[in-house]
Amino acid sequence: MSDISFISAILVVIVAFFAGLEGILDQFQFHQPLVACTLIGLATGHLEAGIMLGGSLQMLALAWANIGAAVAPDAALASVAAAIIFIKGGDYTNVGINVATAAAIPLAVAGLFLTMIVRTISVALVHTADNAAKKADFAAVERAHLFALVLQGLRIAIPAAMLLAVPADVVRNALGLMPDWLNHGMQVGGGMVVAVGYAMVINMMATREVWPFFALGFAFAALSDLTLIALGTIGVAFAFIYLNLSKQGGNGGGATGSGDPIGDILEDY
């Protein structure tokens, strides 16, 4: 029997279903690893482990984006399935996180294959909706739309239910058969994933106005007495200070350019 209770399994399947929906809707971001893994950790009584895995996977998923007709790897299945494997594995250390992170990559590719199948089926549903629209049957259009969304949710919920049906002992034994060289390699790879993720965040956000805040963030992070809530409070305070000073300007109250054209456009917007 699995160490995940029946009620927890139902909640995990519900989270997986909504993650599948959000992989298409992008409304509440349930498919993002940080959200999905945290919710699964909460549902199974391992909230801290879910947050740790979600943070690690989120750094990997930062590079996943749809470009034109090319669909990115599926973050929903990667998040849900990796979280289930992580919880069932029982190793909530960095080694377990690295193993789950490594497993998330092929799972993301598998999820991409599943979403391609569902999207192919959705083509027929689109034609059905078009024919219903010609007849002014808006209820049928809505049914076709909702049915397509349900398929996207089931493509994550069904694999999640299948993983939940696997006994925890089987998962632990399978993970225990991994050789040491593979475990050490995953540790190195997991560290590289986090480093690359941070580099991407800095590359997207770094401007000459923001660099001082990066430096302050690293300095405050070294203070072990500060909790995450305290660090968040400091960050929000600095944000308000920066916004108030930027509105006043640097030349007698006049507005000045930031040197970042995109930032100036967004500020004007």
Protein backbone atom coordinates (compact mmCIF):
# COMPACT_ATOMS: atom_id res chain seq x y z
CA MET A 1 0.00 0.00 0.00
CA SER A 2 1.07 3.55 -0.65
CA ASP A 3 2.00 5.82 2.24
CA ILE A 4 -0.31 8.44 0.73
CA SER A 5 -3.81 8.20 2.18
CA PHE A 6 -6.92 7.91 0.02
CA ILE A 7 -8.04 11.47 0.80
CA SER A 8 -4.57 12.82 0.01
CA ALA A 9 -4.55 10.86 -3.25
CA ILE A 10 -7.88 12.42 -4.26
CA LEU A 11 -6.53 15.88 -3.49
CA VAL A 12 -3.37 15.18 -5.51
CA VAL A 13 -5.46 14.08 -8.51
CA ILE A 14 -7.52 17.27 -8.22
CA VAL A 15 -4.34 19.36 -8.15
CA ALA A 16 -3.06 17.42 -11.17
CA PHE A 17 -6.32 18.07 -13.03
CA PHE A 18 -6.13 21.81 -12.44
CA ALA A 19 -2.45 21.79 -13.37
CA GLY A 20 -3.41 20.25 -16.71
CA LEU A 21 -6.00 22.98 -17.26
CA GLU A 22 -3.56 25.72 -16.33
CA GLY A 23 -0.99 24.34 -18.77
CA ILE A 24 -3.31 25.75 -21.44
CA LEU A 25 -5.14 28.59 -19.69
CA ASP A 26 -2.20 30.22 -17.84
CA GLN A 27 -4.71 31.94 -15.57
CA PHE A 28 -3.71 30.95 -12.03
CA GLN A 29 -0.36 29.23 -12.80
CA PHE A 30 -1.24 25.91 -11.11
CA HIS A 31 1.03 24.17 -13.62
CA GLN A 32 4.13 26.03 -12.45
CA PRO A 33 6.40 23.74 -10.41
CA LEU A 34 6.52 26.04 -7.40
CA VAL A 35 2.72 26.04 -7.16
CA ALA A 36 1.96 22.44 -8.17
CA CYS A 37 4.67 20.84 -6.01
CA THR A 38 3.72 23.00 -3.04
CA LEU A 39 0.05 22.03 -3.33
CA ILE A 40 0.93 18.35 -3.64
CA GLY A 41 3.21 18.64 -0.62
CA LEU A 42 0.37 20.30 1.29
CA ALA A 43 -2.11 17.60 0.24
CA THR A 44 0.22 14.79 1.33
CA GLY A 45 1.39 16.38 4.56
CA HIS A 46 4.90 17.17 3.27
CA LEU A 47 4.59 20.89 2.66
CA GLU A 48 8.26 21.72 3.25
CA ALA A 49 9.41 18.97 0.88
CA GLY A 50 6.98 20.17 -1.79
CA ILE A 51 8.24 23.74 -1.54
CA MET A 52 11.86 22.62 -1.77
CA LEU A 53 11.21 20.51 -4.87
CA GLY A 54 9.03 23.20 -6.44
CA GLY A 55 11.72 25.83 -6.02
CA SER A 56 14.31 23.57 -7.62
CA LEU A 57 12.07 22.65 -10.56
CA GLN A 58 11.00 26.25 -11.05
CA MET A 59 14.56 27.24 -11.87
CA LEU A 60 14.54 24.56 -14.58
CA ALA A 61 11.13 25.57 -15.97
CA LEU A 62 12.17 29.21 -16.40
CA ALA A 63 13.67 28.27 -19.75
CA TRP A 64 10.51 26.53 -20.98
CA ALA A 65 8.46 28.79 -23.22
CA ASN A 66 6.38 28.37 -26.35
CA ILE A 67 8.07 29.89 -29.39
CA GLY A 68 5.80 30.17 -32.39
CA ALA A 69 4.44 26.73 -33.26
CA ALA A 70 7.07 25.01 -31.08
CA VAL A 71 5.47 23.89 -27.82
CA ALA A 72 7.62 23.94 -24.69
CA PRO A 73 8.10 20.83 -22.51
CA ASP A 74 5.12 20.20 -20.28
CA ALA A 75 5.74 21.74 -16.87
CA ALA A 76 2.45 20.38 -15.51
CA LEU A 77 3.24 16.68 -15.84
CA ALA A 78 6.86 17.25 -14.84
CA SER A 79 5.79 19.05 -11.66
CA VAL A 80 3.03 16.67 -10.62
CA ALA A 81 4.78 13.39 -11.44
CA ALA A 82 8.13 14.48 -9.98
CA ALA A 83 6.41 15.60 -6.77
CA ILE A 84 4.63 12.25 -6.42
CA ILE A 85 7.88 10.34 -7.01
CA PHE A 86 9.66 12.61 -4.53
CA ILE A 87 7.03 12.12 -1.82
CA LYS A 88 6.81 8.37 -2.33
CA GLY A 89 10.59 8.04 -2.42
CA GLY A 90 10.82 9.31 1.14
CA ASP A 91 14.24 10.94 0.65
CA TYR A 92 13.62 14.61 1.37
CA THR A 93 17.29 15.60 1.17
CA ASN A 94 19.12 17.30 -1.67
CA VAL A 95 19.81 13.88 -3.18
CA GLY A 96 16.10 13.13 -3.40
CA ILE A 97 15.42 16.56 -4.90
CA ASN A 98 18.10 16.03 -7.55
CA VAL A 99 16.68 12.61 -8.44
CA ALA A 100 13.17 14.04 -8.79
CA THR A 101 14.50 16.98 -10.82
CA ALA A 102 16.30 14.60 -13.18
CA ALA A 103 13.11 12.54 -13.53
CA ALA A 104 11.15 15.69 -14.38
CA ILE A 105 12.98 16.21 -17.68
CA PRO A 106 11.80 12.99 -19.44
CA LEU A 107 8.40 13.47 -17.81
CA ALA A 108 8.18 16.91 -19.39
CA VAL A 109 8.89 15.38 -22.80
CA ALA A 110 6.25 12.71 -22.18
CA GLY A 111 3.80 15.45 -21.23
CA LEU A 112 4.61 17.22 -24.48
CA PHE A 113 3.64 14.06 -26.38
CA LEU A 114 0.38 13.81 -24.44
CA THR A 115 -0.56 17.42 -25.06
CA MET A 116 0.10 16.94 -28.78
CA ILE A 117 -2.40 14.09 -28.78
CA VAL A 118 -4.99 16.19 -26.94
CA ARG A 119 -4.41 19.14 -29.25
CA THR A 120 -4.95 16.86 -32.25
CA ILE A 121 -8.27 15.73 -30.78
CA SER A 122 -9.12 19.37 -30.12
CA VAL A 123 -8.95 20.08 -33.86
CA ALA A 124 -12.07 17.97 -34.33
CA LEU A 125 -13.69 19.76 -31.40
CA VAL A 126 -12.93 23.12 -33.02
CA HIS A 127 -14.70 22.01 -36.20
CA THR A 128 -17.62 20.85 -34.07
CA ALA A 129 -17.75 24.24 -32.39
CA ASP A 130 -17.58 25.99 -35.78
CA ASN A 131 -20.54 24.02 -37.07
CA ALA A 132 -22.48 24.77 -33.88
CA ALA A 133 -21.65 28.47 -34.22
CA LYS A 134 -23.07 28.49 -37.74
CA LYS A 135 -26.34 27.24 -36.25
CA ALA A 136 -26.14 29.79 -33.42
CA ASP A 137 -26.01 26.90 -30.94
CA PHE A 138 -23.84 28.61 -28.36
CA ALA A 139 -24.47 25.93 -25.76
CA ALA A 140 -22.84 23.37 -28.07
CA VAL A 141 -19.89 25.72 -28.60
CA GLU A 142 -19.45 25.99 -24.85
CA ARG A 143 -19.69 22.20 -24.43
CA ALA A 144 -16.98 21.65 -27.04
CA HIS A 145 -14.77 24.21 -25.31
CA LEU A 146 -15.25 22.66 -21.87
CA PHE A 147 -14.72 19.13 -23.20
CA ALA A 148 -11.39 20.17 -24.72
CA LEU A 149 -10.37 21.65 -21.36
CA VAL A 150 -11.39 18.47 -19.53
CA LEU A 151 -9.14 16.46 -21.86
CA GLN A 152 -6.22 18.73 -20.99
CA GLY A 153 -6.89 18.16 -17.30
CA LEU A 154 -7.20 14.40 -17.70
CA ARG A 155 -3.87 14.15 -19.50
CA ILE A 156 -2.22 15.06 -16.18
CA ALA A 157 -4.75 13.58 -13.75
CA ILE A 158 -4.67 10.07 -15.24
CA PRO A 159 -0.85 9.66 -15.13
CA ALA A 160 -0.91 11.10 -11.60
CA ALA A 161 -3.50 8.52 -10.53
CA MET A 162 -1.40 5.75 -12.09
CA LEU A 163 1.67 6.89 -10.16
CA LEU A 164 -0.33 7.07 -6.94
CA ALA A 165 -1.42 3.47 -7.46
CA VAL A 166 2.21 2.31 -7.39
CA PRO A 167 3.16 1.23 -3.84
CA ALA A 168 5.68 3.44 -2.09
CA ASP A 169 7.95 0.46 -1.43
CA VAL A 170 8.26 -0.16 -5.16
CA VAL A 171 9.26 3.47 -5.75
CA ARG A 172 11.80 3.40 -2.92
CA ASN A 173 13.29 0.12 -4.13
CA ALA A 174 13.55 1.44 -7.68
CA LEU A 175 15.29 4.61 -6.49
CA GLY A 176 17.56 2.55 -4.26
CA LEU A 177 18.79 0.55 -7.25
CA MET A 178 20.34 3.67 -8.77
CA PRO A 179 24.15 3.47 -8.66
CA ASP A 180 26.21 6.01 -6.75
CA TRP A 181 27.75 7.48 -9.89
CA LEU A 182 24.27 8.31 -11.18
CA ASN A 183 23.24 9.87 -7.87
CA HIS A 184 26.37 12.02 -7.76
CA GLY A 185 25.83 13.04 -11.37
CA MET A 186 22.30 14.13 -10.54
CA GLN A 187 23.61 16.21 -7.65
CA VAL A 188 25.99 18.01 -10.01
CA GLY A 189 23.26 18.44 -12.61
CA GLY A 190 20.82 19.74 -10.00
CA GLY A 191 23.32 22.37 -8.90
CA MET A 192 23.89 23.45 -12.50
CA VAL A 193 20.13 23.76 -13.07
CA VAL A 194 19.78 26.16 -10.15
CA ALA A 195 22.79 28.21 -11.28
CA VAL A 196 21.47 28.47 -14.84
CA GLY A 197 18.04 29.47 -13.53
CA TYR A 198 19.43 32.28 -11.42
CA ALA A 199 21.54 33.44 -14.35
CA MET A 200 18.43 33.63 -16.51
CA VAL A 201 16.56 35.64 -13.88
CA ILE A 202 19.43 38.10 -13.56
CA ASN A 203 19.74 38.36 -17.35
CA MET A 204 16.05 39.23 -17.65
CA MET A 205 15.87 41.69 -14.76
CA ALA A 206 19.31 43.22 -14.43
CA THR A 207 19.63 46.92 -15.14
CA ARG A 208 21.91 49.49 -13.56
CA GLU A 209 19.07 50.47 -11.20
CA VAL A 210 18.46 46.88 -10.08
CA TRP A 211 22.04 45.70 -9.57
CA PRO A 212 22.36 47.33 -6.10
CA PHE A 213 19.30 45.40 -4.94
CA PHE A 214 20.86 42.13 -6.12
CA ALA A 215 23.93 42.92 -4.04
CA LEU A 216 21.80 43.78 -1.00
CA GLY A 217 19.82 40.57 -1.45
CA PHE A 218 22.92 38.40 -1.32
CA ALA A 219 24.15 40.33 1.73
CA PHE A 220 20.88 39.94 3.64
CA ALA A 221 20.63 36.24 2.67
CA ALA A 222 23.88 35.63 4.59
CA LEU A 223 22.19 36.74 7.83
CA SER A 224 20.90 33.51 9.30
CA ASP A 225 18.78 35.29 11.92
CA LEU A 226 16.50 36.77 9.25
CA THR A 227 13.49 34.64 8.32
CA LEU A 228 11.96 34.46 4.85
CA ILE A 229 9.18 36.74 6.02
CA ALA A 230 11.75 39.29 7.17
CA LEU A 231 13.59 39.08 3.84
CA GLY A 232 10.30 39.51 1.98
CA THR A 233 9.43 42.53 4.11
CA ILE A 234 12.81 44.09 3.38
CA GLY A 235 12.35 43.45 -0.34
CA VAL A 236 8.90 45.07 -0.37
CA ALA A 237 10.23 48.05 1.58
CA PHE A 238 13.08 48.55 -0.89
CA ALA A 239 10.60 48.29 -3.78
CA PHE A 240 8.42 51.06 -2.32
CA ILE A 241 11.48 53.21 -1.62
CA TYR A 242 12.70 52.77 -5.19
CA LEU A 243 9.30 53.53 -6.70
CA ASN A 244 8.89 56.70 -4.62
CA LEU A 245 12.37 57.95 -5.46
CA SER A 246 11.96 57.16 -9.16
CA LYS A 247 8.73 59.18 -9.28
CA GLN A 248 10.53 62.20 -7.81
CA GLY A 249 13.26 62.02 -10.43
CA GLY A 250 16.88 63.03 -10.16
CA ASN A 251 16.89 66.53 -11.71
CA GLY A 252 14.77 68.79 -9.56
CA GLY A 253 11.83 66.41 -9.74
CA GLY A 254 12.01 65.99 -13.50
CA ALA A 255 11.61 62.55 -15.04
CA THR A 256 14.79 60.85 -16.16
CA GLY A 257 15.34 57.87 -18.40
CA SER A 258 16.47 54.61 -16.86
CA GLY A 259 18.74 53.59 -19.71
CA ASP A 260 16.49 50.59 -20.27
CA PRO A 261 14.15 51.27 -23.26
CA ILE A 262 11.83 48.38 -22.42
CA GLY A 263 11.66 49.50 -18.80
CA ASP A 264 10.82 53.07 -19.87
CA ILE A 265 8.03 51.80 -22.13
CA LEU A 266 6.55 49.67 -19.35
CA GLU A 267 6.80 52.58 -16.91
CA ASP A 268 4.97 54.87 -19.35
CA TYR A 269 2.36 52.16 -19.87
